[in-house]
Protein backbone atom coordinates (compact mmCIF):
# COMPACT_ATOMS: atom_id res chain seq x y z
CA GLN A 1 9.80 2.01 8.36
CA VAL A 2 11.38 2.68 5.00
CA GLN A 3 11.05 5.87 3.01
CA LEU A 4 11.88 5.81 -0.68
CA VAL A 5 12.71 8.72 -2.95
CA GLU A 6 13.05 8.26 -6.71
CA SER A 7 14.93 10.56 -9.06
CA GLY A 8 16.26 10.62 -12.60
CA GLY A 9 13.10 10.75 -14.65
CA GLY A 10 12.64 13.12 -17.55
CA LEU A 11 11.79 13.64 -21.20
CA VAL A 12 13.94 11.82 -23.73
CA GLN A 13 13.75 10.70 -27.33
CA ALA A 14 13.29 7.14 -28.51
CA GLY A 15 16.59 5.29 -28.40
CA ASP A 16 17.99 7.38 -25.57
CA SER A 17 18.97 6.19 -22.11
CA LEU A 18 18.03 7.21 -18.59
CA ARG A 19 19.08 6.03 -15.16
CA LEU A 20 16.59 6.12 -12.34
CA SER A 21 17.71 6.09 -8.73
CA CYS A 22 15.80 5.26 -5.59
CA THR A 23 17.33 6.08 -2.24
CA ALA A 24 15.99 4.57 0.95
CA SER A 25 16.09 5.85 4.49
CA GLY A 26 17.05 3.63 7.38
CA ARG A 27 19.87 1.27 8.21
CA THR A 28 18.35 -2.00 7.03
CA PHE A 29 18.27 -1.42 3.27
CA SER A 30 20.25 -4.58 2.62
CA MET A 31 17.43 -6.66 4.12
CA TYR A 32 14.90 -5.54 1.49
CA THR A 33 14.09 -6.86 -1.93
CA MET A 34 13.76 -3.84 -4.20
CA GLY A 35 11.49 -3.52 -7.19
CA TRP A 36 10.68 -1.09 -9.97
CA PHE A 37 7.15 -0.77 -11.30
CA ARG A 38 5.52 1.59 -13.75
CA GLN A 39 2.05 2.90 -14.38
CA VAL A 40 0.26 4.81 -17.09
CA PRO A 41 -3.10 6.52 -16.55
CA GLY A 42 -6.00 4.11 -16.71
CA LYS A 43 -3.83 1.01 -16.41
CA GLU A 44 -2.73 -1.14 -13.55
CA ARG A 45 0.75 -0.73 -12.17
CA GLU A 46 3.04 -3.22 -13.88
CA PHE A 47 6.22 -4.96 -12.84
CA VAL A 48 9.45 -3.82 -14.47
CA ALA A 49 12.33 -5.37 -12.50
CA CYS A 50 13.38 -6.50 -9.05
CA ILE A 51 16.58 -7.40 -7.26
CA THR A 52 17.20 -9.53 -4.20
CA ARG A 53 18.71 -8.26 -0.98
CA GLY A 54 22.31 -8.98 -1.82
CA GLY A 55 21.90 -8.29 -5.51
CA SER A 56 22.61 -11.86 -6.58
CA SER A 57 19.32 -12.35 -8.41
CA THR A 58 17.38 -10.08 -10.72
CA TYR A 59 14.10 -10.46 -12.58
CA TYR A 60 12.70 -8.49 -15.49
CA ALA A 61 9.47 -8.07 -17.35
CA ASP A 62 9.73 -9.49 -20.85
CA SER A 63 9.05 -6.05 -22.30
CA VAL A 64 12.24 -4.59 -20.82
CA LYS A 65 14.56 -7.59 -20.76
CA SER A 66 17.91 -6.86 -22.46
CA ARG A 67 17.19 -3.09 -22.40
CA PHE A 68 16.88 -2.34 -18.67
CA THR A 69 19.25 -3.27 -15.86
CA ILE A 70 18.47 -3.14 -12.17
CA SER A 71 21.31 -2.87 -9.66
CA ARG A 72 21.81 -1.79 -6.08
CA ASP A 73 24.48 -0.28 -3.86
CA ASN A 74 23.73 -1.30 -0.30
CA ALA A 75 26.43 1.02 1.05
CA LYS A 76 24.51 3.95 -0.46
CA ASN A 77 21.01 2.61 0.29
CA THR A 78 20.23 3.03 -3.39
CA VAL A 79 18.74 0.94 -6.16
CA TYR A 80 19.13 1.89 -9.80
CA LEU A 81 17.30 1.22 -13.03
CA GLN A 82 19.42 1.75 -16.12
CA MET A 83 17.11 2.11 -19.10
CA ASN A 84 18.59 1.87 -22.58
CA SER A 85 17.03 1.92 -26.04
CA LEU A 86 13.95 3.61 -24.64
CA LYS A 87 10.70 3.35 -26.57
CA PRO A 88 7.57 5.52 -26.48
CA GLU A 89 5.74 2.64 -24.82
CA ASP A 90 8.12 2.95 -21.86
CA THR A 91 6.44 6.26 -21.02
CA ALA A 92 5.02 5.98 -17.50
CA VAL A 93 5.42 7.00 -13.91
CA TYR A 94 8.10 4.75 -12.44
CA TYR A 95 7.90 3.68 -8.81
CA CYS A 96 10.39 1.91 -6.63
CA ALA A 97 9.22 -0.44 -3.91
CA ALA A 98 10.75 -2.26 -0.97
CA GLU A 99 9.83 -5.25 1.11
CA ARG A 100 11.47 -7.98 3.14
CA LEU A 101 10.57 -10.96 1.00
CA ARG A 102 11.43 -14.61 1.52
CA SER A 103 11.22 -15.60 -2.11
CA ALA A 104 12.89 -13.66 -4.89
CA THR A 105 10.05 -14.35 -7.29
CA ASP A 106 7.63 -12.67 -4.87
CA GLY A 107 9.28 -9.47 -5.95
CA THR A 108 7.47 -9.52 -9.27
CA SER A 109 4.08 -8.73 -7.72
CA GLN A 110 3.18 -5.23 -6.58
CA TYR A 111 0.90 -6.70 -3.92
CA ASN A 112 3.88 -8.07 -2.00
CA TYR A 113 5.44 -4.66 -1.38
CA GLY A 114 4.61 -2.47 1.56
CA TYR A 115 6.82 0.51 0.88
CA TRP A 116 6.62 2.75 -2.17
CA GLY A 117 8.22 5.89 -3.45
CA GLN A 118 6.30 8.84 -4.84
CA GLY A 119 7.17 8.03 -8.45
CA THR A 120 9.14 9.76 -11.17
CA GLN A 121 7.83 10.54 -14.65
CA VAL A 122 9.58 9.10 -17.69
CA THR A 123 8.41 10.36 -21.06
CA VAL A 124 9.83 8.98 -24.30
CA SER A 125 9.00 10.88 -27.46
CA SER A 126 9.03 9.24 -30.90
């Protein structure tokens, strides 16, 4: 069992930065691929970024590549999403997810994750 708690969301202006954090319970955090997804009302949850267990590989959605950075600190059971140059279209509820995945690329699909946080709202004004 893994419990995830996100934090760091808020209201910012276009061009600003935010860092989201997701802290996991349990002692096996380092065995989980971690992902960030986001969702706006009326739309399907979409992939943002994911990171492999040891942090050696990361994947990003094209829409956030070069602006967002995912990282993790296994000693703190925490995964981060640094978001720079935010745009109004980044406005969404952001969720972190965890799963023990064999393939790093499996981390890009929400359907491969069994553990989810409650979400944190990010609002970017123009």
